[in-house]
Amino acid sequence: MDALPQMQPVVSTQIAAVGYAMDSRELFIEFIGGAIYRYEDVPPEVHAGLTGHASVGAYFYKHIKYAKADDGALRYPYTKLRGPVGLDPAPAATENPAKAEDPDDDVPF
């Protein structure tokens, strides 16, 4: 996909907006710092769960960012499309998710 889909602003301490391309099943996350990431092969129900959840950040970290496939690989591989270096709130895929700070951690699922 060359252009971003329409981005929907969300209320979150880390995520500014979310976009979804239904035809390619790509989820786009724009973080508060300006970085934009594309997540691959995200089902429509996961996108709906993200945008409909009371805590967008908590849902993102639990169900998208650190979701694992049966073989232990990331369920939704991602690519950084743009954004300032050093302001990336999403740790690299190889980092330990337990070390990632989630400001919405106190929100029950």
N, C-alpha and C. Protein backbone atom coordinates (compact mmCIF):
# COMPACT_ATOMS: atom_id res chain seq x y z
N MET A 1 0.86 -1.18 0.00
CA MET A 1 0.00 0.00 0.00
C MET A 1 0.89 1.23 0.00
N ASP A 2 0.64 2.16 -0.92
CA ASP A 2 1.46 3.36 -1.03
C ASP A 2 0.97 4.48 -0.13
N ALA A 3 -0.33 4.65 -0.02
CA ALA A 3 -0.89 5.73 0.79
C ALA A 3 -1.52 5.15 2.04
N LEU A 4 -1.54 5.96 3.07
CA LEU A 4 -2.19 5.54 4.31
C LEU A 4 -3.70 5.59 4.15
N PRO A 5 -4.40 4.69 4.81
CA PRO A 5 -5.85 4.80 4.82
C PRO A 5 -6.25 5.99 5.69
N GLN A 6 -7.51 6.31 5.70
CA GLN A 6 -7.97 7.39 6.58
C GLN A 6 -7.66 7.01 8.02
N MET A 7 -7.03 7.91 8.73
CA MET A 7 -6.63 7.66 10.12
C MET A 7 -7.69 8.22 11.06
N GLN A 8 -8.13 7.41 12.01
CA GLN A 8 -9.15 7.79 12.98
C GLN A 8 -8.46 8.16 14.29
N PRO A 9 -8.60 9.40 14.76
CA PRO A 9 -8.02 9.77 16.04
C PRO A 9 -8.61 8.92 17.18
N VAL A 10 -7.77 8.58 18.16
CA VAL A 10 -8.21 7.82 19.31
C VAL A 10 -7.75 8.52 20.59
N VAL A 11 -8.40 8.19 21.69
CA VAL A 11 -8.01 8.74 22.99
C VAL A 11 -7.06 7.74 23.64
N SER A 12 -5.80 8.13 23.76
CA SER A 12 -4.78 7.25 24.32
C SER A 12 -3.58 8.10 24.71
N THR A 13 -2.82 7.62 25.68
CA THR A 13 -1.61 8.35 26.08
C THR A 13 -0.45 8.08 25.14
N GLN A 14 -0.54 7.03 24.30
CA GLN A 14 0.57 6.71 23.40
C GLN A 14 0.18 6.67 21.93
N ILE A 15 -1.07 6.39 21.64
CA ILE A 15 -1.52 6.24 20.25
C ILE A 15 -2.38 7.43 19.86
N ALA A 16 -2.02 8.06 18.73
CA ALA A 16 -2.74 9.24 18.26
C ALA A 16 -3.89 8.87 17.32
N ALA A 17 -3.65 7.90 16.44
CA ALA A 17 -4.65 7.57 15.43
C ALA A 17 -4.45 6.14 14.93
N VAL A 18 -5.53 5.59 14.37
CA VAL A 18 -5.53 4.23 13.86
C VAL A 18 -6.18 4.24 12.48
N GLY A 19 -5.62 3.49 11.54
CA GLY A 19 -6.21 3.33 10.23
C GLY A 19 -6.21 1.86 9.86
N TYR A 20 -7.11 1.47 8.96
CA TYR A 20 -7.21 0.07 8.57
C TYR A 20 -7.53 -0.04 7.09
N ALA A 21 -6.78 -0.89 6.40
CA ALA A 21 -7.03 -1.17 4.98
C ALA A 21 -7.66 -2.55 4.91
N MET A 22 -8.96 -2.60 4.71
CA MET A 22 -9.72 -3.84 4.72
C MET A 22 -9.22 -4.81 3.64
N ASP A 23 -8.94 -4.30 2.44
CA ASP A 23 -8.55 -5.18 1.33
C ASP A 23 -7.23 -5.90 1.58
N SER A 24 -6.28 -5.24 2.23
CA SER A 24 -4.97 -5.85 2.49
C SER A 24 -4.81 -6.32 3.94
N ARG A 25 -5.82 -6.05 4.77
CA ARG A 25 -5.79 -6.41 6.19
C ARG A 25 -4.57 -5.81 6.91
N GLU A 26 -4.28 -4.56 6.56
CA GLU A 26 -3.16 -3.85 7.19
C GLU A 26 -3.70 -2.84 8.19
N LEU A 27 -3.11 -2.86 9.38
CA LEU A 27 -3.47 -1.93 10.44
C LEU A 27 -2.36 -0.90 10.55
N PHE A 28 -2.72 0.37 10.61
CA PHE A 28 -1.76 1.45 10.72
C PHE A 28 -1.95 2.14 12.07
N ILE A 29 -0.86 2.29 12.79
CA ILE A 29 -0.89 2.94 14.11
C ILE A 29 0.02 4.15 14.05
N GLU A 30 -0.54 5.31 14.39
CA GLU A 30 0.27 6.53 14.52
C GLU A 30 0.42 6.81 16.00
N PHE A 31 1.66 6.85 16.47
CA PHE A 31 1.93 7.11 17.87
C PHE A 31 2.00 8.61 18.13
N ILE A 32 1.83 8.99 19.37
CA ILE A 32 1.85 10.39 19.78
C ILE A 32 3.11 11.11 19.29
N GLY A 33 4.25 10.42 19.30
CA GLY A 33 5.51 11.03 18.87
C GLY A 33 5.63 11.22 17.37
N GLY A 34 4.67 10.69 16.59
CA GLY A 34 4.68 10.88 15.15
C GLY A 34 5.05 9.65 14.34
N ALA A 35 5.59 8.63 14.98
CA ALA A 35 5.95 7.41 14.25
C ALA A 35 4.68 6.70 13.77
N ILE A 36 4.76 6.13 12.57
CA ILE A 36 3.64 5.36 12.03
C ILE A 36 4.15 3.96 11.69
N TYR A 37 3.41 2.96 12.15
CA TYR A 37 3.74 1.57 11.90
C TYR A 37 2.61 0.89 11.15
N ARG A 38 2.98 -0.08 10.30
CA ARG A 38 2.01 -0.90 9.59
C ARG A 38 2.12 -2.32 10.12
N TYR A 39 0.99 -2.90 10.55
CA TYR A 39 0.92 -4.27 11.04
C TYR A 39 0.21 -5.11 9.99
N GLU A 40 0.77 -6.27 9.67
CA GLU A 40 0.29 -7.10 8.57
C GLU A 40 -0.71 -8.15 9.00
N ASP A 41 -1.62 -8.46 8.10
CA ASP A 41 -2.58 -9.55 8.23
C ASP A 41 -3.42 -9.47 9.51
N VAL A 42 -3.88 -8.28 9.83
CA VAL A 42 -4.71 -8.06 11.03
C VAL A 42 -6.18 -8.24 10.65
N PRO A 43 -6.87 -9.18 11.30
CA PRO A 43 -8.28 -9.40 10.97
C PRO A 43 -9.15 -8.19 11.32
N PRO A 44 -10.24 -8.00 10.60
CA PRO A 44 -11.13 -6.86 10.85
C PRO A 44 -11.63 -6.82 12.31
N GLU A 45 -11.85 -8.00 12.91
CA GLU A 45 -12.35 -8.01 14.28
C GLU A 45 -11.31 -7.52 15.29
N VAL A 46 -10.04 -7.68 14.98
CA VAL A 46 -8.99 -7.14 15.86
C VAL A 46 -8.96 -5.62 15.74
N HIS A 47 -9.08 -5.11 14.51
CA HIS A 47 -9.16 -3.66 14.32
C HIS A 47 -10.36 -3.09 15.07
N ALA A 48 -11.51 -3.74 14.94
CA ALA A 48 -12.72 -3.28 15.63
C ALA A 48 -12.54 -3.34 17.14
N GLY A 49 -11.89 -4.38 17.62
CA GLY A 49 -11.63 -4.49 19.05
C GLY A 49 -10.75 -3.36 19.56
N LEU A 50 -9.76 -3.00 18.75
CA LEU A 50 -8.85 -1.91 19.12
C LEU A 50 -9.59 -0.59 19.22
N THR A 51 -10.32 -0.24 18.18
CA THR A 51 -10.98 1.07 18.16
C THR A 51 -12.17 1.14 19.10
N GLY A 52 -12.71 -0.02 19.49
CA GLY A 52 -13.86 -0.02 20.38
C GLY A 52 -13.52 -0.25 21.84
N HIS A 53 -12.26 -0.46 22.16
CA HIS A 53 -11.86 -0.78 23.53
C HIS A 53 -11.74 0.49 24.36
N ALA A 54 -12.07 0.39 25.63
CA ALA A 54 -11.97 1.54 26.54
C ALA A 54 -10.53 2.01 26.70
N SER A 55 -9.57 1.10 26.57
CA SER A 55 -8.16 1.45 26.66
C SER A 55 -7.46 0.98 25.38
N VAL A 56 -7.31 1.89 24.44
CA VAL A 56 -6.70 1.56 23.16
C VAL A 56 -5.28 1.03 23.36
N GLY A 57 -4.51 1.67 24.23
CA GLY A 57 -3.13 1.24 24.46
C GLY A 57 -3.04 -0.15 25.05
N ALA A 58 -3.86 -0.45 26.03
CA ALA A 58 -3.83 -1.77 26.65
C ALA A 58 -4.21 -2.85 25.63
N TYR A 59 -5.23 -2.59 24.83
CA TYR A 59 -5.65 -3.55 23.81
C TYR A 59 -4.53 -3.75 22.79
N PHE A 60 -3.93 -2.66 22.34
CA PHE A 60 -2.85 -2.72 21.37
C PHE A 60 -1.72 -3.61 21.86
N TYR A 61 -1.24 -3.36 23.08
CA TYR A 61 -0.10 -4.12 23.59
C TYR A 61 -0.45 -5.59 23.80
N LYS A 62 -1.63 -5.88 24.27
CA LYS A 62 -2.00 -7.26 24.56
C LYS A 62 -2.38 -8.06 23.31
N HIS A 63 -3.15 -7.46 22.43
CA HIS A 63 -3.73 -8.22 21.31
C HIS A 63 -3.06 -8.00 19.96
N ILE A 64 -2.18 -7.02 19.86
CA ILE A 64 -1.54 -6.74 18.57
C ILE A 64 -0.02 -6.75 18.70
N LYS A 65 0.53 -5.83 19.44
CA LYS A 65 1.98 -5.66 19.52
C LYS A 65 2.69 -6.93 19.97
N TYR A 66 2.21 -7.56 21.04
CA TYR A 66 2.90 -8.73 21.58
C TYR A 66 2.13 -10.03 21.36
N ALA A 67 1.16 -10.03 20.47
CA ALA A 67 0.41 -11.26 20.15
C ALA A 67 1.35 -12.23 19.43
N LYS A 68 1.31 -13.47 19.83
CA LYS A 68 2.18 -14.49 19.24
C LYS A 68 1.37 -15.53 18.48
N ALA A 69 1.94 -16.02 17.41
CA ALA A 69 1.36 -17.13 16.66
C ALA A 69 1.71 -18.42 17.40
N ASP A 70 1.16 -19.52 16.96
CA ASP A 70 1.41 -20.81 17.60
C ASP A 70 2.89 -21.18 17.62
N ASP A 71 3.64 -20.73 16.62
CA ASP A 71 5.06 -21.07 16.56
C ASP A 71 5.93 -20.10 17.37
N GLY A 72 5.31 -19.14 18.06
CA GLY A 72 6.05 -18.19 18.89
C GLY A 72 6.47 -16.92 18.17
N ALA A 73 6.29 -16.87 16.86
CA ALA A 73 6.62 -15.67 16.10
C ALA A 73 5.54 -14.61 16.34
N LEU A 74 5.87 -13.39 16.00
CA LEU A 74 4.87 -12.34 16.11
C LEU A 74 3.68 -12.67 15.21
N ARG A 75 2.49 -12.54 15.75
CA ARG A 75 1.28 -12.82 14.97
C ARG A 75 1.09 -11.77 13.89
N TYR A 76 1.42 -10.50 14.20
CA TYR A 76 1.23 -9.41 13.25
C TYR A 76 2.57 -8.70 13.03
N PRO A 77 3.36 -9.18 12.07
CA PRO A 77 4.64 -8.51 11.79
C PRO A 77 4.40 -7.05 11.43
N TYR A 78 5.37 -6.21 11.75
CA TYR A 78 5.18 -4.79 11.51
C TYR A 78 6.39 -4.15 10.86
N THR A 79 6.13 -3.00 10.27
CA THR A 79 7.16 -2.19 9.62
C THR A 79 6.96 -0.75 10.04
N LYS A 80 8.06 -0.09 10.39
CA LYS A 80 7.99 1.34 10.69
C LYS A 80 7.98 2.07 9.35
N LEU A 81 6.94 2.87 9.13
CA LEU A 81 6.82 3.60 7.87
C LEU A 81 7.46 4.97 7.94
N ARG A 82 7.31 5.63 9.06
CA ARG A 82 7.93 6.95 9.22
C ARG A 82 7.85 7.36 10.68
N GLY A 83 8.66 8.35 10.98
CA GLY A 83 8.60 8.88 12.34
C GLY A 83 9.96 9.29 12.84
N PRO A 84 9.94 10.11 13.86
CA PRO A 84 11.19 10.60 14.44
C PRO A 84 11.93 9.49 15.17
N VAL A 85 13.23 9.46 15.01
CA VAL A 85 14.07 8.49 15.71
C VAL A 85 14.14 8.90 17.17
N GLY A 86 14.07 7.94 18.06
CA GLY A 86 14.20 8.22 19.49
C GLY A 86 12.88 8.50 20.17
N LEU A 87 11.81 8.68 19.43
CA LEU A 87 10.51 8.93 20.04
C LEU A 87 9.57 7.75 19.82
N ASP A 88 10.13 6.61 19.52
CA ASP A 88 9.35 5.43 19.20
C ASP A 88 8.90 4.71 20.46
N PRO A 89 7.60 4.77 20.80
CA PRO A 89 7.14 4.11 22.02
C PRO A 89 6.97 2.61 21.86
N ALA A 90 7.08 2.09 20.65
CA ALA A 90 6.92 0.66 20.42
C ALA A 90 8.30 0.01 20.38
N PRO A 91 8.65 -0.80 21.38
CA PRO A 91 9.97 -1.45 21.37
C PRO A 91 10.13 -2.35 20.15
N ALA A 92 11.35 -2.56 19.76
CA ALA A 92 11.63 -3.44 18.63
C ALA A 92 11.11 -4.84 18.92
N ALA A 93 10.83 -5.58 17.87
CA ALA A 93 10.25 -6.92 18.01
C ALA A 93 11.15 -7.85 18.82
N THR A 94 12.43 -7.56 18.87
CA THR A 94 13.35 -8.44 19.59
C THR A 94 13.47 -8.06 21.06
N GLU A 95 12.92 -6.93 21.47
CA GLU A 95 13.01 -6.52 22.87
C GLU A 95 12.06 -7.33 23.72
N ASN A 96 12.36 -7.38 24.99
CA ASN A 96 11.54 -8.12 25.96
C ASN A 96 10.27 -7.33 26.24
N PRO A 97 9.09 -7.89 25.92
CA PRO A 97 7.84 -7.17 26.15
C PRO A 97 7.60 -6.86 27.63
N ALA A 98 8.19 -7.62 28.51
CA ALA A 98 7.99 -7.37 29.94
C ALA A 98 8.62 -6.05 30.35
N LYS A 99 9.60 -5.58 29.57
CA LYS A 99 10.26 -4.32 29.89
C LYS A 99 9.53 -3.12 29.31
N ALA A 100 8.59 -3.34 28.42
CA ALA A 100 7.86 -2.24 27.79
C ALA A 100 6.91 -1.61 28.80
N GLU A 101 6.94 -0.33 28.87
CA GLU A 101 6.03 0.36 29.77
C GLU A 101 4.69 0.57 29.08
N ASP A 102 3.64 0.19 29.75
CA ASP A 102 2.30 0.35 29.22
C ASP A 102 1.53 1.24 30.19
N PRO A 103 1.28 2.49 29.80
CA PRO A 103 0.62 3.42 30.72
C PRO A 103 -0.81 3.00 31.05
N ASP A 104 -1.38 2.11 30.25
CA ASP A 104 -2.74 1.67 30.51
C ASP A 104 -2.75 0.32 31.21
N ASP A 105 -1.64 -0.06 31.83
CA ASP A 105 -1.50 -1.37 32.46
C ASP A 105 -2.52 -1.64 33.55
N ASP A 106 -3.01 -0.60 34.19
CA ASP A 106 -3.94 -0.79 35.29
C ASP A 106 -5.38 -1.00 34.83
N VAL A 107 -5.60 -1.00 33.51
CA VAL A 107 -6.94 -1.18 32.99
C VAL A 107 -7.24 -2.67 32.87
N PRO A 108 -8.30 -3.16 33.52
CA PRO A 108 -8.62 -4.60 33.42
C PRO A 108 -9.14 -4.94 32.02
N PHE A 109 -8.94 -6.19 31.63
CA PHE A 109 -9.39 -6.65 30.32
C PHE A 109 -10.72 -7.30 30.44
